[in-house]
Protein backbone atom coordinates (compact mmCIF):
# COMPACT_ATOMS: atom_id res chain seq x y z
CA MET A 1 -18.56 -21.86 17.28
CA ILE A 2 -16.84 -21.90 20.67
CA ASP A 3 -18.74 -24.23 22.98
CA LEU A 4 -20.29 -22.17 25.79
CA THR A 5 -22.50 -24.92 27.21
CA ILE A 6 -23.01 -24.37 30.95
CA ASN A 7 -22.34 -26.89 33.74
CA GLU A 8 -23.82 -25.04 36.74
CA GLN A 9 -22.69 -27.56 39.35
CA GLN A 10 -19.07 -27.33 38.23
CA ILE A 11 -19.22 -23.53 38.00
CA GLU A 12 -20.11 -23.33 41.70
CA SER A 13 -17.12 -25.51 42.61
CA THR A 14 -14.75 -23.56 40.36
CA ALA A 15 -16.01 -20.23 41.69
CA ARG A 16 -15.32 -21.40 45.24
CA ARG A 17 -11.77 -22.36 44.25
CA CYS A 18 -11.23 -18.97 42.57
CA LYS A 19 -12.46 -17.24 45.73
CA GLU A 20 -9.90 -19.14 47.81
CA LYS A 21 -7.10 -18.18 45.42
CA GLY A 22 -8.19 -14.55 44.92
CA ILE A 23 -8.86 -14.96 41.19
CA ILE A 24 -10.84 -12.38 39.23
CA ILE A 25 -11.13 -12.79 35.46
CA PRO A 26 -11.00 -9.77 33.10
CA THR A 27 -13.45 -9.35 30.24
CA PHE A 28 -12.48 -8.87 26.61
CA GLU A 29 -13.73 -5.30 26.96
CA GLN A 30 -11.31 -4.66 29.83
CA MET A 31 -8.40 -6.19 27.88
CA LYS A 32 -9.19 -3.80 25.00
CA ASN A 33 -9.89 -0.84 27.28
CA PRO A 34 -7.94 -1.09 30.56
CA GLU A 35 -9.53 2.16 31.73
CA LEU A 36 -12.54 -0.07 32.57
CA ILE A 37 -10.49 -2.13 35.05
CA PRO A 38 -11.58 -1.41 38.65
CA ALA A 39 -9.39 1.10 40.47
CA GLY A 40 -8.65 -1.37 43.28
CA ILE A 41 -7.10 -3.84 40.86
CA LYS A 42 -4.99 -1.12 39.25
CA GLU A 43 -3.74 -0.17 42.70
CA GLU A 44 -2.76 -3.78 43.44
CA LEU A 45 -0.84 -4.00 40.16
CA LYS A 46 1.45 -1.18 41.28
CA GLY A 47 3.21 -3.68 43.53
CA ILE A 48 3.29 -6.60 41.09
CA GLY A 49 5.98 -7.38 38.51
CA LEU A 50 5.02 -7.95 34.90
CA TRP A 51 6.14 -11.59 34.98
CA ASP A 52 5.10 -12.30 38.58
CA VAL A 53 2.95 -15.38 39.09
CA HIS A 54 0.03 -13.46 40.57
CA PRO A 55 -3.66 -13.71 39.58
CA ARG A 56 -3.94 -9.94 39.11
CA ASN A 57 -1.62 -10.27 36.11
CA LEU A 58 -4.62 -11.70 34.24
CA PHE A 59 -5.49 -8.03 33.78
CA ARG A 60 -2.17 -7.50 32.01
CA VAL A 61 -3.26 -9.73 29.12
CA SER A 62 -3.43 -6.54 27.06
CA TRP A 63 -1.50 -4.64 24.40
CA LYS A 64 -1.68 -1.54 26.62
CA ASN A 65 0.61 -2.41 29.53
CA GLU A 66 2.98 0.33 30.59
CA PRO A 67 6.39 -0.83 29.24
CA LYS A 68 8.14 -1.51 32.52
CA ALA A 69 9.12 -4.65 34.38
CA LYS A 70 7.37 -3.93 37.69
CA GLY A 71 4.44 -1.94 38.97
CA GLY A 72 3.36 -0.55 35.63
CA GLY A 73 -0.14 0.66 34.90
CA PHE A 74 -1.72 1.03 31.49
CA ASP A 75 -0.99 3.39 28.64
CA GLY A 76 -1.65 3.44 24.92
CA VAL A 77 -1.02 0.53 22.58
CA ASN A 78 2.59 -0.70 22.61
CA TYR A 79 3.80 -0.44 19.03
CA MET A 80 6.85 0.50 17.00
CA ALA A 81 6.92 2.47 13.74
CA LEU A 82 9.79 1.42 11.48
CA PRO A 83 11.46 4.20 9.45
CA PRO A 84 12.40 3.89 5.74
CA GLU A 85 16.09 4.26 6.69
CA LEU A 86 15.79 0.79 8.22
CA THR A 87 13.24 -0.93 5.99
CA GLY A 88 14.34 0.47 2.62
CA VAL A 89 10.70 1.11 1.58
CA LYS A 90 8.68 4.32 1.50
CA ALA A 91 5.60 2.78 3.07
CA LYS A 92 4.97 3.18 6.77
CA ILE A 93 5.37 -0.13 8.62
CA ALA A 94 4.13 -0.35 12.19
CA ALA A 95 4.15 -3.34 14.53
CA LEU A 96 2.52 -4.17 17.84
CA VAL A 97 5.15 -5.06 20.47
CA GLY A 98 4.62 -8.31 22.38
CA LYS A 99 7.47 -7.93 24.89
CA TRP A 100 5.27 -6.09 27.37
CA PHE A 101 2.94 -8.98 28.05
CA PRO A 102 3.57 -11.27 31.03
CA THR A 103 6.08 -13.95 29.86
CA GLY A 104 7.36 -11.46 27.26
CA ALA A 105 5.17 -12.79 24.44
CA HIS A 106 1.65 -12.16 23.14
CA LYS A 107 0.68 -15.85 23.36
CA VAL A 108 -0.84 -15.28 26.81
CA GLY A 109 -3.75 -13.72 24.91
CA ALA A 110 -4.33 -16.81 22.80
CA VAL A 111 -4.11 -18.96 25.95
CA PHE A 112 -6.69 -16.79 27.72
CA GLY A 113 -9.07 -17.17 24.78
CA CYS A 114 -8.73 -20.97 24.93
CA ILE A 115 -8.99 -21.81 28.64
CA VAL A 116 -11.23 -19.11 30.11
CA PRO A 117 -14.39 -20.11 28.15
CA ARG A 118 -14.04 -23.64 29.54
CA LEU A 119 -13.44 -22.40 33.07
CA ILE A 120 -16.38 -19.98 33.28
CA THR A 121 -18.82 -22.50 31.76
CA GLY A 122 -17.80 -25.34 34.06
CA GLN A 123 -16.33 -27.47 31.28
CA PHE A 124 -12.91 -27.43 32.98
CA ASP A 125 -12.53 -28.62 36.56
CA PRO A 126 -9.31 -27.11 37.96
CA ALA A 127 -9.40 -29.54 40.89
CA ARG A 128 -9.24 -32.56 38.58
CA HIS A 129 -8.22 -31.55 35.07
CA LYS A 130 -4.77 -30.65 33.82
CA ALA A 131 -4.46 -28.24 30.88
CA VAL A 132 -2.25 -29.57 28.09
CA TRP A 133 -0.59 -26.93 25.92
CA PRO A 134 0.90 -28.35 22.67
CA SER A 135 3.15 -25.72 21.19
CA THR A 136 6.24 -24.73 19.25
CA GLY A 137 7.34 -22.45 22.09
CA ASN A 138 5.59 -19.39 23.45
CA TYR A 139 2.09 -20.84 23.55
CA CYS A 140 3.00 -23.53 26.06
CA ARG A 141 4.89 -20.93 28.10
CA GLY A 142 1.79 -18.75 28.12
CA GLY A 143 -0.34 -21.79 28.87
CA ALA A 144 1.71 -22.78 31.89
CA TYR A 145 1.66 -19.19 33.14
CA ILE A 146 -2.05 -18.43 32.69
CA SER A 147 -3.00 -21.87 34.03
CA THR A 148 -1.08 -21.13 37.21
CA LEU A 149 -2.73 -17.72 37.54
CA LEU A 150 -6.11 -19.45 37.21
CA GLY A 151 -5.25 -22.11 39.79
CA CYS A 152 -4.92 -24.91 37.22
CA GLU A 153 -2.15 -27.44 36.60
CA ALA A 154 -0.41 -27.37 33.22
CA ILE A 155 1.49 -29.76 30.97
CA ALA A 156 3.70 -28.04 28.39
CA ILE A 157 4.64 -29.79 25.14
CA LEU A 158 7.24 -28.31 22.77
CA PRO A 159 9.96 -29.48 20.35
CA GLU A 160 13.31 -30.37 21.88
CA GLU A 161 15.24 -27.96 19.60
CA MET A 162 13.53 -24.80 20.90
CA SER A 163 15.65 -22.20 22.70
CA ARG A 164 17.14 -23.00 26.10
CA GLU A 165 15.40 -19.96 27.63
CA ARG A 166 12.01 -21.56 27.04
CA PHE A 167 12.88 -24.84 28.77
CA ASP A 168 14.62 -23.16 31.70
CA TRP A 169 11.62 -20.94 32.39
CA LEU A 170 9.07 -23.75 31.99
CA ALA A 171 10.95 -25.94 34.46
CA ASN A 172 9.99 -23.51 37.23
CA ILE A 173 6.30 -23.10 36.43
CA ALA A 174 4.78 -26.00 34.47
CA GLY A 175 3.74 -29.13 36.33
CA GLU A 176 5.24 -31.22 33.54
CA VAL A 177 7.34 -30.39 30.46
CA ILE A 178 7.46 -32.79 27.52
CA ALA A 179 10.04 -32.33 24.74
CA THR A 180 9.05 -33.89 21.41
CA PRO A 181 11.46 -34.74 18.56
CA GLY A 182 12.58 -32.07 16.11
CA CYS A 183 12.24 -28.31 15.64
CA GLU A 184 9.33 -25.88 15.18
CA SER A 185 8.41 -27.61 11.91
CA ASN A 186 7.70 -30.90 13.70
CA VAL A 187 4.11 -30.17 14.67
CA LYS A 188 2.73 -33.65 13.96
CA GLU A 189 5.02 -35.07 16.63
CA ILE A 190 3.35 -32.69 19.10
CA PHE A 191 -0.11 -33.81 17.97
CA ASP A 192 0.95 -37.47 18.27
CA LYS A 193 2.05 -36.88 21.86
CA CYS A 194 -1.39 -35.40 22.63
CA TRP A 195 -3.12 -38.51 21.27
CA GLU A 196 -0.80 -40.68 23.34
CA LEU A 197 -1.64 -38.74 26.50
CA LYS A 198 -5.39 -38.86 25.79
CA ALA A 199 -5.25 -42.63 25.34
CA THR A 200 -3.66 -43.20 28.73
CA ARG A 201 -5.15 -40.49 30.97
CA ASP A 202 -8.66 -39.18 31.62
CA ASP A 203 -7.72 -36.07 33.60
CA LEU A 204 -6.44 -34.00 30.67
CA VAL A 205 -7.96 -31.24 28.56
CA ILE A 206 -6.00 -30.65 25.34
CA LEU A 207 -5.95 -26.97 24.39
CA ASN A 208 -4.46 -27.07 20.90
CA GLN A 209 -3.76 -23.57 19.60
CA PHE A 210 -3.97 -24.81 16.01
CA ASP A 211 -7.65 -25.76 16.27
CA GLU A 212 -8.94 -23.71 19.24
CA PHE A 213 -11.11 -20.85 18.01
CA GLY A 214 -10.58 -19.00 21.29
CA ASN A 215 -7.09 -18.27 19.90
CA HIS A 216 -8.55 -16.78 16.71
CA LEU A 217 -11.25 -14.87 18.61
CA TRP A 218 -8.90 -13.24 21.12
CA HIS A 219 -6.77 -11.86 18.31
CA TYR A 220 -9.80 -10.88 16.24
CA GLU A 221 -11.21 -8.82 19.08
CA VAL A 222 -8.23 -7.63 21.17
CA THR A 223 -5.36 -7.52 18.68
CA GLY A 224 -7.72 -6.24 15.97
CA ASN A 225 -8.79 -3.34 18.18
CA ALA A 226 -5.18 -2.56 19.12
CA LEU A 227 -4.17 -2.35 15.45
CA GLN A 228 -7.19 -0.19 14.74
CA GLU A 229 -5.91 2.24 17.37
CA VAL A 230 -2.49 2.28 15.71
CA LEU A 231 -4.15 3.20 12.42
CA ASN A 232 -6.12 5.95 14.14
CA GLN A 233 -2.84 7.42 15.39
CA GLU A 234 -0.67 6.91 12.33
CA LEU A 235 -2.92 7.45 9.31
CA GLY A 236 -2.92 11.05 8.11
CA LYS A 237 -5.17 12.75 5.60
CA GLY A 238 -4.91 10.95 2.28
CA ASP A 239 -3.16 7.91 3.79
CA PHE A 240 -4.27 4.36 2.97
CA TYR A 241 -4.14 1.20 5.06
CA ALA A 242 -2.79 -1.48 2.70
CA GLY A 243 -2.83 -4.61 4.85
CA VAL A 244 -1.50 -6.73 7.68
CA VAL A 245 1.35 -9.24 7.26
CA LEU A 246 1.78 -12.09 9.77
CA ALA A 247 3.46 -15.47 10.04
CA SER A 248 1.15 -18.46 9.85
CA GLY A 249 2.16 -20.22 13.06
CA SER A 250 -1.07 -21.29 14.73
CA ALA A 251 -2.91 -18.73 12.53
CA GLY A 252 -4.42 -17.20 15.67
CA THR A 253 -2.90 -13.74 15.21
CA LEU A 254 -4.26 -13.70 11.65
CA GLY A 255 -7.69 -13.29 13.23
CA CYS A 256 -6.89 -9.57 13.58
CA GLY A 257 -6.79 -9.41 9.78
CA ASP A 258 -10.44 -10.47 9.64
CA TYR A 259 -11.32 -7.66 12.06
CA LEU A 260 -9.42 -5.06 10.02
CA LYS A 261 -10.71 -6.20 6.65
CA GLU A 262 -14.29 -5.83 7.87
CA ARG A 263 -13.50 -2.17 8.54
CA TYR A 264 -11.12 -1.62 5.60
CA PRO A 265 -12.54 -3.82 2.81
CA LEU A 266 -9.79 -2.85 0.35
CA SER A 267 -7.01 -3.96 2.70
CA LYS A 268 -5.21 -7.28 2.37
CA ILE A 269 -4.10 -10.12 4.63
CA ALA A 270 -0.69 -11.63 3.83
CA VAL A 271 0.55 -14.77 5.56
CA SER A 272 4.25 -15.55 5.80
CA GLU A 273 6.16 -18.77 6.42
CA ALA A 274 9.74 -20.01 6.31
CA LEU A 275 11.15 -20.60 2.83
CA GLN A 276 12.76 -23.75 4.18
CA CYS A 277 9.30 -25.21 4.89
CA PRO A 278 7.00 -23.74 2.19
CA THR A 279 3.77 -25.53 3.14
CA LEU A 280 1.36 -22.85 1.95
CA LEU A 281 3.46 -21.72 -0.99
CA LEU A 282 4.44 -25.07 -2.50
CA ASN A 283 2.69 -27.78 -0.45
CA GLY A 284 6.23 -28.25 0.81
CA PHE A 285 8.00 -29.47 3.93
CA GLY A 286 11.30 -29.11 5.75
CA GLY A 287 12.85 -27.65 8.89
CA HIS A 288 13.79 -24.07 9.73
CA ARG A 289 15.06 -21.74 12.44
CA ILE A 290 12.29 -19.14 12.74
CA GLU A 291 11.30 -20.22 16.23
CA GLY A 292 7.64 -20.31 17.14
CA ILE A 293 5.94 -20.69 13.74
CA GLY A 294 5.04 -24.37 13.59
CA ASP A 295 4.18 -25.58 10.11
CA LYS A 296 3.96 -28.55 7.68
CA HIS A 297 0.19 -28.20 7.98
CA VAL A 298 -2.57 -25.58 7.61
CA PRO A 299 -4.08 -24.66 11.00
CA TRP A 300 -7.76 -25.48 11.38
CA ILE A 301 -8.44 -21.91 12.54
CA HIS A 302 -6.79 -20.22 9.52
CA ASN A 303 -9.45 -18.36 7.54
CA ILE A 304 -7.87 -19.13 4.18
CA LYS A 305 -10.70 -17.72 2.09
CA ASN A 306 -9.93 -14.29 3.52
CA THR A 307 -6.16 -14.51 2.85
CA ASP A 308 -4.70 -12.60 -0.11
CA MET A 309 -1.00 -13.40 -0.29
CA ILE A 310 1.68 -15.86 0.80
CA VAL A 311 5.22 -14.62 1.49
CA ALA A 312 8.09 -17.02 2.19
CA VAL A 313 11.01 -15.66 4.27
CA ASP A 314 14.49 -17.19 4.28
CA ASP A 315 15.34 -18.20 7.83
CA GLU A 316 19.00 -17.32 7.23
CA HIS A 317 17.94 -13.70 6.76
CA THR A 318 16.19 -13.66 10.13
CA ILE A 319 19.25 -15.11 11.85
CA ARG A 320 21.59 -12.58 10.26
CA LEU A 321 19.32 -9.69 11.22
CA LEU A 322 19.08 -10.99 14.80
CA ARG A 323 22.83 -10.33 14.97
CA LEU A 324 22.68 -7.00 13.10
CA PHE A 325 20.03 -5.72 15.50
CA ASN A 326 21.65 -6.94 18.72
CA GLU A 327 25.43 -6.79 18.25
CA GLU A 328 27.18 -3.51 19.04
CA ALA A 329 28.89 -3.40 15.62
CA GLY A 330 25.53 -3.85 13.95
CA ARG A 331 23.77 -1.10 15.84
CA GLN A 332 26.64 1.30 15.32
CA TYR A 333 26.56 0.68 11.57
CA LEU A 334 22.79 1.24 11.47
CA LYS A 335 23.25 4.60 13.16
CA GLU A 336 25.87 5.52 10.55
CA GLN A 337 23.29 4.71 7.85
CA GLY A 338 20.87 7.22 9.29
CA VAL A 339 18.72 4.98 11.49
CA ALA A 340 17.75 7.01 14.55
CA ALA A 341 19.17 5.98 17.92
CA GLU A 342 15.66 5.61 19.38
CA ILE A 343 15.10 2.84 16.80
CA THR A 344 18.47 1.07 16.98
CA GLU A 345 18.37 1.01 20.77
CA ASN A 346 14.98 -0.70 20.70
CA LEU A 347 15.66 -3.36 18.06
CA ASP A 348 15.85 -5.91 20.86
CA LEU A 349 12.05 -5.70 20.86
CA LEU A 350 12.18 -8.07 17.87
CA GLY A 351 12.58 -11.80 18.38
CA ILE A 352 13.31 -14.15 15.47
CA SER A 353 9.71 -14.54 14.27
CA SER A 354 9.22 -10.77 14.71
CA ILE A 355 12.12 -10.19 12.32
CA GLY A 356 10.45 -12.64 9.93
CA ASN A 357 7.23 -10.60 10.12
CA MET A 358 9.17 -7.40 9.42
CA LEU A 359 10.88 -8.93 6.36
CA ALA A 360 7.55 -10.19 5.03
CA ALA A 361 5.99 -6.74 5.51
CA ILE A 362 8.87 -5.17 3.56
CA LYS A 363 8.39 -7.64 0.70
CA PHE A 364 4.64 -6.94 0.75
CA ALA A 365 5.28 -3.18 0.49
CA LYS A 366 7.67 -3.68 -2.41
CA TYR A 367 5.31 -6.05 -4.26
CA TYR A 368 2.44 -3.55 -4.23
CA GLU A 369 4.78 -0.58 -4.87
CA LEU A 370 3.45 1.20 -1.80
CA THR A 371 4.27 4.85 -1.21
CA GLU A 372 4.76 7.09 1.81
CA ASN A 373 0.96 7.44 1.95
CA ASP A 374 0.48 3.71 2.51
CA MET A 375 0.60 1.81 5.77
CA VAL A 376 1.40 -1.84 6.52
CA LEU A 377 0.83 -3.49 9.89
CA THR A 378 2.46 -6.49 11.56
CA VAL A 379 3.14 -7.88 15.04
CA PHE A 380 6.35 -8.40 16.99
CA THR A 381 5.25 -11.49 18.89
CA ASP A 382 8.19 -11.65 21.30
CA SER A 383 11.60 -10.07 21.81
CA PHE A 384 15.32 -10.84 21.76
CA GLU A 385 15.02 -11.51 25.50
CA LEU A 386 14.00 -15.09 24.63
CA TYR A 387 16.90 -15.69 22.21
CA GLU A 388 20.09 -14.52 23.91
CA SER A 389 21.39 -18.09 23.91
CA ARG A 390 21.00 -18.11 20.12
CA LYS A 391 23.28 -15.07 19.85
CA ARG A 392 25.95 -16.84 21.89
CA GLU A 393 25.61 -19.94 19.71
CA LEU A 394 25.97 -17.84 16.56
CA THR A 395 29.15 -16.24 17.92
CA GLU A 396 30.61 -19.68 18.62
CA GLU A 397 29.59 -20.88 15.16
CA ARG A 398 30.45 -17.81 13.03
CA GLY A 399 32.87 -15.76 15.08
CA GLU A 400 32.64 -12.25 16.50
CA TYR A 401 30.27 -9.92 14.68
CA THR A 402 32.12 -7.14 12.83
CA GLU A 403 31.36 -4.04 10.80
CA LYS A 404 32.00 -6.11 7.67
CA ASP A 405 29.19 -8.46 8.71
CA ALA A 406 26.93 -5.48 9.40
CA VAL A 407 27.55 -4.04 5.92
CA LYS A 408 26.52 -7.30 4.25
CA ASP A 409 23.50 -7.84 6.48
CA PHE A 410 22.20 -4.29 6.09
CA GLU A 411 22.59 -4.57 2.31
CA MET A 412 20.63 -7.82 2.41
CA LEU A 413 17.85 -6.10 4.37
CA GLN A 414 17.69 -3.14 1.99
CA ASN A 415 17.58 -5.41 -1.06
CA SER A 416 14.77 -7.76 -0.03
CA GLY A 417 13.20 -8.84 -3.32
CA LEU A 418 9.92 -10.14 -4.70
CA ASP A 419 11.03 -13.77 -4.71
CA ASN A 420 8.89 -16.52 -3.17
CA MET A 421 5.63 -14.58 -3.08
CA LEU A 422 2.21 -15.64 -4.33
CA GLU A 423 -0.85 -13.45 -4.76
CA LEU A 424 -3.77 -15.79 -4.18
CA THR A 425 -6.55 -16.33 -6.71
CA TYR A 426 -9.82 -17.97 -5.69
CA TYR A 427 -8.52 -21.41 -6.62
CA GLU A 428 -5.12 -20.84 -5.00
CA ARG A 429 -6.98 -20.11 -1.77
CA LYS A 430 -9.04 -23.24 -2.24
CA ARG A 431 -5.88 -25.31 -2.80
CA VAL A 432 -4.46 -24.17 0.53
CA HIS A 433 -7.79 -24.63 2.30
CA ASN A 434 -8.02 -28.19 0.97
CA LEU A 435 -4.67 -29.03 2.60
CA LYS A 436 -6.53 -28.95 5.94
CA TYR A 437 -8.14 -32.25 4.98
CA TYR A 438 -5.00 -34.31 5.36
CA THR A 439 -4.10 -33.05 8.84
CA TRP A 440 -7.47 -32.42 10.39
CA ILE A 441 -9.88 -34.93 8.83
CA GLU A 442 -7.55 -37.88 8.22
CA GLN A 443 -5.26 -37.47 11.25
CA GLN A 444 -7.08 -35.46 13.91
CA GLY A 445 -10.68 -36.63 13.51
CA LYS A 446 -12.39 -33.39 12.52
CA GLU A 447 -15.67 -33.49 10.57
CA LEU A 448 -15.62 -33.02 6.79
CA LYS A 449 -18.90 -31.12 7.09
CA GLU A 450 -17.20 -28.43 9.18
CA LEU A 451 -14.27 -28.17 6.77
CA ASN A 452 -16.75 -27.50 3.97
CA SER A 453 -18.65 -25.00 6.13
CA GLN A 454 -15.49 -22.95 6.57
CA TRP A 455 -15.46 -22.48 2.80
CA TYR A 456 -19.03 -22.79 1.49
CA ASP A 457 -20.90 -21.30 4.47
CA TYR A 458 -18.17 -18.73 4.91
CA ASP A 459 -20.09 -15.73 6.30
CA ASN A 460 -22.17 -17.65 8.82
CA TYR A 461 -19.26 -19.80 9.98
CA TRP A 462 -16.75 -17.05 10.72
CA SER A 463 -19.19 -14.33 11.83
CA GLY A 464 -20.75 -16.86 14.21
CA ILE A 465 -17.41 -17.12 15.99
CA HIS A 466 -16.70 -13.39 15.89
CA ASN A 467 -20.10 -12.54 17.39
CA GLN A 468 -19.52 -14.61 20.54
CA VAL A 469 -17.54 -11.94 22.40
CA PRO A 470 -20.55 -10.22 24.08
CA GLU A 471 -21.88 -13.56 25.34
CA MET A 472 -18.45 -14.52 26.61
CA ASP A 473 -18.01 -11.22 28.43
CA GLN A 474 -21.43 -11.65 30.06
CA LEU A 475 -20.47 -15.13 31.26
CA ILE A 476 -17.21 -13.76 32.70
CA LEU A 477 -19.11 -11.05 34.60
CA GLU A 478 -21.61 -13.60 35.95
CA PHE A 479 -18.79 -15.90 37.01
CA ASN A 480 -16.98 -13.10 38.83
CA LYS A 481 -20.24 -12.25 40.66
CA LYS A 482 -20.49 -15.87 41.82
CA VAL A 483 -16.91 -15.70 43.08
CA GLU A 484 -17.61 -12.44 44.91
CA ALA A 485 -20.83 -13.77 46.48
CA ILE A 486 -19.22 -16.88 48.01
């Protein structure tokens, strides 16, 4: 359960600070249904850029932002339907698009779910505490951004090998940026830095996406509802929703799979990871280049018992497709193969981990021999906008991208196989669940009783978290009333 214990004295102080800074906090219901946002706030947003550091952009923590850089309102869910000419499978594959969140990535939602409960209950004192955001990339960016919008100071922690764009942006917004050794696979080094900080400072609140259930809950409620709306639009008579396919990462986004499976009990949840670091698939380890999906452990918030399949994706394939989708020779070749211009011209909506999700969804569709009446869902967490430096590096390393490269890369995409996939039995799920012990009980000090509750008291444990949204929304409304009354 997410701790919603109230500290009334601190709430009064925080509300006064929010009044001074003009902060109003949206509810989960408003993030799902922006039509419920007050008209005055919508009017203010007309003069505010999507990435602007302005408290009203808290209301843009939604999948329904109008896809424009400045002054946009709200529309339907931002998603992209991928045609068979591109994917090579008959099944319909649709993906939510994360580019149209502030910071260009959906992690601002996970951040909101982690810090807001502490703020509105008085557990976080923005005048004294600093929010620490341990991350493999976008989460600490989102953390620094949302913290600033909420009038809080932030410390961002991320691996030193992450893209230059992330560090350059963080330098202008985070109070402190800490680079830890290694790449996205080096998560323990991030955790170690958190322990080091906790041992030497008493003004920090660690908001670890890998064990914060606010991350899971935001995606369960908000991303789950957004995907439900996509299904409502895309499923025709006789169509079948087969499942959602998502990278492990912090496992937060996988919360939407729980939401969908409750409504479509025959659907599946598939989790993907990098082949070069097959933690879930083979209890393995390694390093990889699919930026943003930290691994070498099983996140505490991953509902393993509800997961049906593991799919490992070769990071080399994601890198090659990043070039195919964003080099002129690649896009031209795709058009010659029958991929519509409206698709090729929008392939920059996919960042590296988004491409990984797409590849995993294709493999999932092939494994289950899905037809044109079947639908698979995934999420494009961020866009190419955050990886332009990687394209330049690839050009320096491999030379200019040519039609010959495009032919090989498109053939690779079309011929994605059934390799490195595992359909989970009861005991395969339990094997993966048990891996949590080594990270979370031995290293991070979690309670063995809670680990067992996740598995043996399954329904009560997970539904207890999922049912907290109404209480949280009520607390947000009460907090906003306090702010207004000051």
